[in-house]
Protein backbone atom coordinates (compact mmCIF):
# COMPACT_ATOMS: atom_id res chain seq x y z
CA MET A 1 -24.58 -4.47 15.00
CA SER A 2 -20.87 -4.96 14.46
CA ILE A 3 -18.28 -5.32 17.20
CA ARG A 4 -16.79 -1.99 16.18
CA THR A 5 -20.13 -0.19 16.40
CA THR A 6 -21.02 -1.76 19.73
CA THR A 7 -17.59 -0.82 21.08
CA GLN A 8 -18.04 2.78 19.97
CA VAL A 9 -21.48 3.00 21.58
CA ALA A 10 -20.15 1.62 24.88
CA ALA A 11 -17.18 4.00 24.79
CA GLU A 12 -19.31 7.05 24.12
CA TRP A 13 -21.82 6.00 26.77
CA GLN A 14 -19.05 5.72 29.39
CA ASN A 15 -16.99 8.64 28.00
CA ARG A 16 -13.92 6.43 27.72
CA PRO A 17 -11.67 5.34 24.83
CA ALA A 18 -13.12 2.63 22.60
CA VAL A 19 -9.99 0.52 23.07
CA ASP A 20 -11.07 -0.02 26.70
CA PHE A 21 -14.20 -1.81 25.53
CA LEU A 22 -13.07 -3.77 22.49
CA PRO A 23 -12.04 -6.95 24.33
CA LEU A 24 -15.22 -6.87 26.43
CA VAL A 25 -17.51 -6.37 23.46
CA ASP A 26 -15.67 -9.02 21.47
CA ARG A 27 -16.22 -11.54 24.26
CA ALA A 28 -19.82 -10.44 24.87
CA MET A 29 -20.74 -10.99 21.24
CA SER A 30 -19.12 -14.42 21.13
CA VAL A 31 -21.47 -17.37 21.52
CA ASP A 32 -18.66 -19.59 22.80
CA LEU A 33 -18.05 -17.41 25.84
CA ALA A 34 -21.65 -16.91 26.95
CA SER A 35 -20.77 -18.03 30.47
CA ASP A 36 -17.97 -15.46 30.84
CA THR A 37 -19.01 -13.20 33.73
CA THR A 38 -17.50 -10.05 32.18
CA ALA A 39 -19.29 -10.67 28.89
CA HIS A 40 -22.52 -11.38 30.74
CA ARG A 41 -22.19 -8.15 32.72
CA LEU A 42 -21.60 -6.11 29.56
CA ARG A 43 -24.63 -7.73 27.94
CA GLU A 44 -26.72 -6.77 31.00
CA ILE A 45 -25.49 -3.16 30.88
CA LEU A 46 -26.26 -2.89 27.17
CA ASN A 47 -29.71 -4.39 27.64
CA GLN A 48 -30.51 -2.05 30.55
CA SER A 49 -29.62 0.82 28.27
CA GLY A 50 -32.09 -0.27 25.60
CA TYR A 51 -29.74 -2.27 23.39
CA GLN A 52 -32.34 -4.88 22.36
CA GLU A 53 -34.93 -2.21 21.58
CA TRP A 54 -32.37 -0.30 19.55
CA LEU A 55 -31.49 -3.44 17.60
CA SER A 56 -35.14 -4.08 16.80
CA GLU A 57 -35.43 -0.57 15.32
CA GLU A 58 -32.82 -1.29 12.64
């Protein structure tokens, strides 16, 4: 899933503007910043919401 799509999903899920999530999603999807606590937290939230299952459906 693209950064744009992931950002839109997060924004709709939280009923907030997508621009609020773009930096977080960008960092969360970056391998180089895997230790970033904000990125890790976003990954956890997405996974708790069924993100991995949704990805496997594609």
